[in-house]
Amino acid sequence: GNKVASHFWIWDPMQGLEGGFTSYLFSNSVVVPSLGCFIAKGLDSIDNSIVFSENCKTGLTKNDNIPLFDREEYFHLELRLETGGIFCDRWLLLTVDSAKSQFDNSDAEKIENPGINLFSLTKEQKKLSIDARPLSRESSVIVGVATDQPRKFSLRFVKNSLPKSFDLLLHDKFLHKWIPMIKDSSYEFSTSADTMSFGKNRFEICRKKTAEDSMGVQNRLIVSIFPQPVRNSVGVKFQSVEKGNTTVVLMDFWGRIIRKYSFGILQSKTIGISMEDLPSGLYSLKLICGTEERTEKIMKL
């Protein structure tokens, strides 16, 4: 017989805002929706055909919801991306010791959806919708969110059957946050015109030890902004591990420098920055102390 990959993709015209593809393993029981289609991948060129037996037919309508991944022989993690309560995309992480860190037949490529996509990246920067890898040998997994315009999103952790020893966290690199991926919980976030707020730059999944090491580096310079949001002036409190020339740079939504202040050699201080004459919107404040630096977001009312 012919050979096909272990996964396939279904196009649902009612998925997301403009329709979308979701990938499945062949072990899933899925109904192809009306006006939908599916794509399978052949692994050889001898007989590119699939035969469906009579009992594959059904009079049922399509699934109301995307079925949960149910292959219990895999440790796995399932994330779903939503906007305005509408399901847009799904991504699966499978722990397969025999899989490669690079793309192989255990992985499912990401077929691009119109507008909104959730994916991971291999070492060679290939986008995946099902990512099978030997997770115990990996320090992090890059998770990307692609969007055609700024939006508010919810990233739902609908399934987490990973061993407790893995103790993975979602790292929001844009907001410097570490989020436990607890089953049935979700993380709310927004994208903007800032290129760091979307695409492959926004998220990564790390083991707890990796996160703690990274947080230890961040804690060399601690910066807090208050109040949030800001009306007239913002307070900037910082503490560094060592003294250094200290500079504060205020940037607009597009990353253009609006103001720059030099405060000389400091190790800690609370600084007031006036924003009374600036229009409402999202700003970035970068504090540099010697060789350390941190960037924080500010919302001006």
Protein backbone atom coordinates (compact mmCIF):
# COMPACT_ATOMS: atom_id res chain seq x y z
CA GLY A 1 0.00 0.00 0.00
CA ASN A 2 0.40 3.65 -0.12
CA LYS A 3 1.96 5.66 2.66
CA VAL A 4 0.55 8.84 4.20
CA ALA A 5 1.71 11.01 7.07
CA SER A 6 0.18 10.42 10.52
CA HIS A 7 -1.75 13.70 10.37
CA PHE A 8 -4.11 15.63 8.12
CA TRP A 9 -5.62 19.12 7.91
CA ILE A 10 -9.30 20.13 7.76
CA TRP A 11 -10.47 23.44 6.30
CA ASP A 12 -13.53 24.80 8.12
CA PRO A 13 -15.08 27.91 6.52
CA MET A 14 -16.66 28.80 9.89
CA GLN A 15 -13.40 28.69 11.85
CA GLY A 16 -11.98 32.00 13.05
CA LEU A 17 -12.98 35.18 11.26
CA GLU A 18 -12.43 34.01 7.66
CA GLY A 19 -12.15 30.22 7.86
CA GLY A 20 -9.10 28.20 8.81
CA PHE A 21 -7.17 24.92 8.85
CA THR A 22 -6.74 22.72 11.93
CA SER A 23 -4.42 19.72 11.97
CA TYR A 24 -5.33 16.30 13.42
CA LEU A 25 -3.78 12.89 13.84
CA PHE A 26 -5.52 10.11 11.90
CA SER A 27 -6.56 8.58 15.22
CA ASN A 28 -8.99 11.49 15.73
CA SER A 29 -12.62 11.01 14.67
CA VAL A 30 -13.53 14.23 12.86
CA VAL A 31 -16.44 15.21 10.60
CA VAL A 32 -15.49 17.34 7.59
CA PRO A 33 -17.85 20.36 7.66
CA SER A 34 -20.15 21.44 4.87
CA LEU A 35 -18.17 23.38 2.22
CA GLY A 36 -15.01 22.23 3.98
CA CYS A 37 -12.20 20.00 2.76
CA PHE A 38 -9.24 18.03 4.05
CA ILE A 39 -5.62 17.68 3.02
CA ALA A 40 -3.47 14.58 3.59
CA LYS A 41 0.24 14.23 2.89
CA GLY A 42 1.67 11.35 0.90
CA LEU A 43 5.08 10.01 1.88
CA ASP A 44 5.85 8.26 -1.40
CA SER A 45 4.96 8.74 -5.07
CA ILE A 46 3.77 5.21 -5.87
CA ASP A 47 0.06 5.53 -5.07
CA ASN A 48 -1.12 8.94 -3.91
CA SER A 49 -4.64 7.86 -3.02
CA ILE A 50 -6.68 7.20 0.12
CA VAL A 51 -9.53 4.67 0.23
CA PHE A 52 -12.43 5.24 2.63
CA SER A 53 -14.57 2.28 3.62
CA GLU A 54 -18.37 2.48 3.76
CA ASN A 55 -18.40 2.80 7.54
CA CYS A 56 -16.45 6.06 7.25
CA LYS A 57 -19.61 7.78 6.01
CA THR A 58 -21.87 9.59 8.47
CA GLY A 59 -25.07 11.57 8.50
CA LEU A 60 -23.84 13.68 11.40
CA THR A 61 -23.17 17.38 11.04
CA LYS A 62 -19.73 18.73 11.79
CA ASN A 63 -18.36 18.85 15.33
CA ASP A 64 -19.58 21.85 17.31
CA ASN A 65 -16.16 22.10 18.90
CA ILE A 66 -12.63 21.09 17.97
CA PRO A 67 -12.21 17.71 19.72
CA LEU A 68 -9.54 17.43 22.38
CA PHE A 69 -6.39 15.55 21.51
CA ASP A 70 -6.89 12.13 23.10
CA ARG A 71 -3.80 10.03 22.32
CA GLU A 72 -2.81 9.13 25.87
CA GLU A 73 0.33 7.32 24.76
CA TYR A 74 1.87 10.76 24.22
CA PHE A 75 2.65 13.31 26.88
CA HIS A 76 1.24 16.42 25.26
CA LEU A 77 0.18 20.06 25.56
CA GLU A 78 -2.72 21.65 23.63
CA LEU A 79 -3.09 25.41 23.15
CA ARG A 80 -5.98 27.23 21.46
CA LEU A 81 -5.98 30.81 20.24
CA GLU A 82 -9.23 32.79 20.43
CA THR A 83 -10.31 36.37 19.81
CA GLY A 84 -13.65 37.73 21.01
CA GLY A 85 -14.61 34.23 22.15
CA ILE A 86 -14.11 32.85 18.61
CA PHE A 87 -11.77 29.87 18.09
CA CYS A 88 -9.08 30.76 15.55
CA ASP A 89 -6.31 28.17 15.71
CA ARG A 90 -4.86 25.23 17.64
CA TRP A 91 -1.31 24.03 18.33
CA LEU A 92 -0.17 20.69 19.77
CA LEU A 93 3.12 19.81 21.45
CA LEU A 94 3.83 16.06 21.62
CA THR A 95 6.74 14.55 23.53
CA VAL A 96 8.25 11.91 21.26
CA ASP A 97 11.75 10.78 22.22
CA SER A 98 12.42 9.37 18.75
CA ALA A 99 11.50 12.66 17.02
CA LYS A 100 14.05 15.20 15.89
CA SER A 101 14.42 18.84 16.88
CA GLN A 102 14.38 19.57 13.16
CA PHE A 103 11.31 18.91 11.01
CA ASP A 104 10.47 15.24 10.47
CA ASN A 105 7.44 13.08 9.62
CA SER A 106 6.19 13.22 13.23
CA ASP A 107 5.50 16.94 12.77
CA ALA A 108 2.63 18.63 10.94
CA GLU A 109 3.46 21.71 8.91
CA LYS A 110 1.50 24.89 9.62
CA ILE A 111 -0.89 25.67 6.76
CA GLU A 112 -1.42 29.42 6.86
CA ASN A 113 -4.89 30.62 7.82
CA PRO A 114 -6.20 34.00 6.66
CA GLY A 115 -5.42 36.66 9.24
CA ILE A 116 -4.63 34.72 12.45
CA ASN A 117 -2.20 31.83 13.07
CA LEU A 118 -0.70 29.96 16.03
CA PHE A 119 2.48 27.97 15.42
CA SER A 120 5.83 26.80 16.74
CA LEU A 121 9.21 26.93 15.02
CA THR A 122 11.80 24.24 14.42
CA LYS A 123 15.52 24.98 14.56
CA GLU A 124 15.46 25.66 10.81
CA GLN A 125 12.56 28.14 11.33
CA LYS A 126 9.86 25.93 9.81
CA LYS A 127 6.34 26.61 11.14
CA LEU A 128 4.47 23.71 12.73
CA SER A 129 0.90 23.10 13.87
CA ILE A 130 1.79 19.76 15.52
CA ASP A 131 5.26 19.79 17.07
CA ALA A 132 6.66 16.39 18.09
CA ARG A 133 10.00 16.61 19.83
CA PRO A 134 12.05 15.07 22.64
CA LEU A 135 11.08 17.79 25.09
CA SER A 136 13.31 16.57 27.90
CA ARG A 137 16.31 17.48 25.74
CA GLU A 138 15.03 20.93 24.78
CA SER A 139 15.39 24.14 26.79
CA SER A 140 12.64 26.08 25.03
CA VAL A 141 10.02 26.02 22.26
CA ILE A 142 9.31 29.18 20.25
CA VAL A 143 5.55 29.78 19.93
CA GLY A 144 4.40 32.43 17.46
CA VAL A 145 1.17 34.36 17.00
CA ALA A 146 0.64 35.92 13.56
CA THR A 147 -2.13 38.49 13.11
CA ASP A 148 -3.09 40.80 10.27
CA GLN A 149 -3.95 43.67 12.66
CA PRO A 150 -3.75 44.58 16.37
CA ARG A 151 -6.19 42.44 18.37
CA LYS A 152 -7.05 41.19 21.84
CA PHE A 153 -6.44 37.45 22.23
CA SER A 154 -6.95 34.65 24.69
CA LEU A 155 -4.48 31.75 24.70
CA ARG A 156 -6.22 28.78 26.34
CA PHE A 157 -4.36 25.84 27.88
CA VAL A 158 -7.08 23.28 27.17
CA LYS A 159 -4.99 20.15 27.78
CA ASN A 160 -1.78 19.55 29.69
CA SER A 161 -0.78 15.94 30.24
CA LEU A 162 2.94 16.62 30.61
CA PRO A 163 4.82 15.08 33.56
CA LYS A 164 5.14 17.37 36.58
CA SER A 165 8.90 17.04 36.29
CA PHE A 166 8.73 19.06 33.05
CA ASP A 167 7.14 22.01 34.91
CA LEU A 168 6.80 24.18 31.79
CA LEU A 169 5.99 27.90 31.78
CA LEU A 170 4.82 30.23 29.02
CA HIS A 171 7.19 33.18 28.71
CA ASP A 172 5.64 36.40 27.37
CA LYS A 173 8.85 38.08 26.23
CA PHE A 174 7.02 41.30 25.29
CA LEU A 175 5.68 41.90 28.82
CA HIS A 176 8.38 39.98 30.75
CA LYS A 177 5.82 37.61 32.28
CA TRP A 178 6.02 33.89 33.15
CA ILE A 179 2.67 32.07 33.11
CA PRO A 180 2.00 28.57 34.51
CA MET A 181 0.21 26.50 31.85
CA ILE A 182 -2.51 25.02 34.04
CA LYS A 183 -5.17 22.92 32.33
CA ASP A 184 -8.40 24.87 31.57
CA SER A 185 -6.74 28.22 32.33
CA SER A 186 -6.07 31.00 29.82
CA TYR A 187 -3.79 33.98 29.25
CA GLU A 188 -5.17 37.26 27.90
CA PHE A 189 -2.91 39.47 25.78
CA SER A 190 -3.02 42.09 23.04
CA THR A 191 -0.96 42.75 19.94
CA SER A 192 -0.09 46.19 18.58
CA ALA A 193 1.97 47.74 15.78
CA ASP A 194 5.08 46.93 17.84
CA THR A 195 6.72 44.01 15.99
CA MET A 196 7.75 42.44 19.32
CA SER A 197 4.07 42.03 20.28
CA PHE A 198 3.35 39.37 17.64
CA GLY A 199 5.01 36.89 15.30
CA LYS A 200 7.79 34.59 16.46
CA ASN A 201 9.10 37.17 18.95
CA ARG A 202 6.24 37.08 21.47
CA PHE A 203 6.24 33.72 23.28
CA GLU A 204 8.38 30.77 24.22
CA ILE A 205 7.73 27.71 26.37
CA CYS A 206 10.49 26.98 28.88
CA ARG A 207 11.17 24.49 31.59
CA LYS A 208 10.99 26.06 35.04
CA LYS A 209 14.74 25.92 35.62
CA THR A 210 15.36 27.79 32.36
CA ALA A 211 12.80 30.38 33.43
CA GLU A 212 14.40 30.79 36.84
CA ASP A 213 17.82 31.26 35.25
CA SER A 214 16.39 33.90 32.91
CA MET A 215 14.55 35.65 35.73
CA GLY A 216 17.80 35.69 37.67
CA VAL A 217 19.38 37.66 34.81
CA GLN A 218 16.40 40.04 34.73
CA ASN A 219 16.66 40.56 38.49
CA ARG A 220 20.06 42.18 38.02
CA LEU A 221 18.02 45.29 37.20
CA ILE A 222 14.56 45.61 38.75
CA VAL A 223 12.31 48.35 37.35
CA SER A 224 8.79 49.22 38.44
CA ILE A 225 6.45 51.74 36.79
CA PHE A 226 3.63 53.52 38.66
CA PRO A 227 0.84 54.37 38.37
CA GLN A 228 -0.50 52.32 35.48
CA PRO A 229 -2.17 53.69 33.43
CA VAL A 230 -0.64 57.20 33.57
CA ARG A 231 -2.43 60.56 33.40
CA ASN A 232 0.15 63.28 34.08
CA SER A 233 3.48 61.87 35.26
CA VAL A 234 4.96 58.40 35.72
CA GLY A 235 7.19 57.22 38.55
CA VAL A 236 10.13 54.96 37.70
CA LYS A 237 11.74 53.05 40.56
CA PHE A 238 14.81 50.94 39.88
CA GLN A 239 17.42 48.88 41.71
CA SER A 240 20.56 47.53 40.01
CA VAL A 241 23.14 45.03 41.25
CA GLU A 242 25.86 47.63 40.70
CA LYS A 243 26.31 51.33 40.02
CA GLY A 244 26.38 52.59 36.45
CA ASN A 245 25.63 55.53 34.17
CA THR A 246 21.85 55.75 34.20
CA THR A 247 19.70 56.83 31.25
CA VAL A 248 15.94 56.80 30.71
CA VAL A 249 14.59 56.76 27.14
CA LEU A 250 10.88 57.35 26.44
CA MET A 251 9.63 56.02 23.08
CA ASP A 252 6.29 56.23 21.31
CA PHE A 253 4.12 53.39 19.96
CA TRP A 254 6.35 53.11 16.86
CA GLY A 255 9.63 52.97 18.81
CA ARG A 256 10.65 56.54 18.01
CA ILE A 257 12.56 58.35 20.79
CA ILE A 258 10.50 61.17 22.32
CA ARG A 259 12.65 62.08 25.31
CA LYS A 260 15.96 61.03 26.77
CA TYR A 261 17.20 61.77 30.30
CA SER A 262 20.66 61.21 31.82
CA PHE A 263 20.98 60.90 35.59
CA GLY A 264 24.68 60.18 36.08
CA ILE A 265 26.07 57.26 38.08
CA LEU A 266 23.36 55.60 40.19
CA GLN A 267 22.49 52.18 41.62
CA SER A 268 18.92 52.87 42.75
CA LYS A 269 16.50 55.79 42.62
CA THR A 270 12.89 56.79 42.09
CA ILE A 271 12.51 59.13 39.11
CA GLY A 272 9.52 61.19 37.96
CA ILE A 273 8.89 61.66 34.22
CA SER A 274 6.24 64.12 33.00
CA MET A 275 3.86 62.85 30.30
CA GLU A 276 1.16 65.49 30.74
CA ASP A 277 1.62 67.01 27.27
CA LEU A 278 1.70 63.66 25.42
CA PRO A 279 -1.33 62.19 23.62
CA SER A 280 -3.06 59.08 24.92
CA GLY A 281 -1.65 55.75 23.79
CA LEU A 282 0.96 53.06 24.41
CA TYR A 283 4.58 54.07 25.12
CA SER A 284 7.82 52.27 25.97
CA LEU A 285 10.29 53.33 28.64
CA LYS A 286 13.82 51.94 28.53
CA LEU A 287 16.03 52.29 31.63
CA ILE A 288 19.76 51.71 31.18
CA CYS A 289 22.07 51.38 34.18
CA GLY A 290 25.63 50.54 33.19
CA THR A 291 25.52 47.33 31.13
CA GLU A 292 22.01 46.38 32.30
CA GLU A 293 18.77 47.55 30.67
CA ARG A 294 15.03 46.93 30.92
CA THR A 295 12.11 48.11 28.80
CA GLU A 296 8.60 48.52 30.26
CA LYS A 297 5.28 49.47 28.64
CA ILE A 298 3.29 52.54 29.73
CA MET A 299 -0.36 53.24 28.93
CA LYS A 300 -1.11 57.00 28.83
CA LEU A 301 -4.74 58.01 29.35
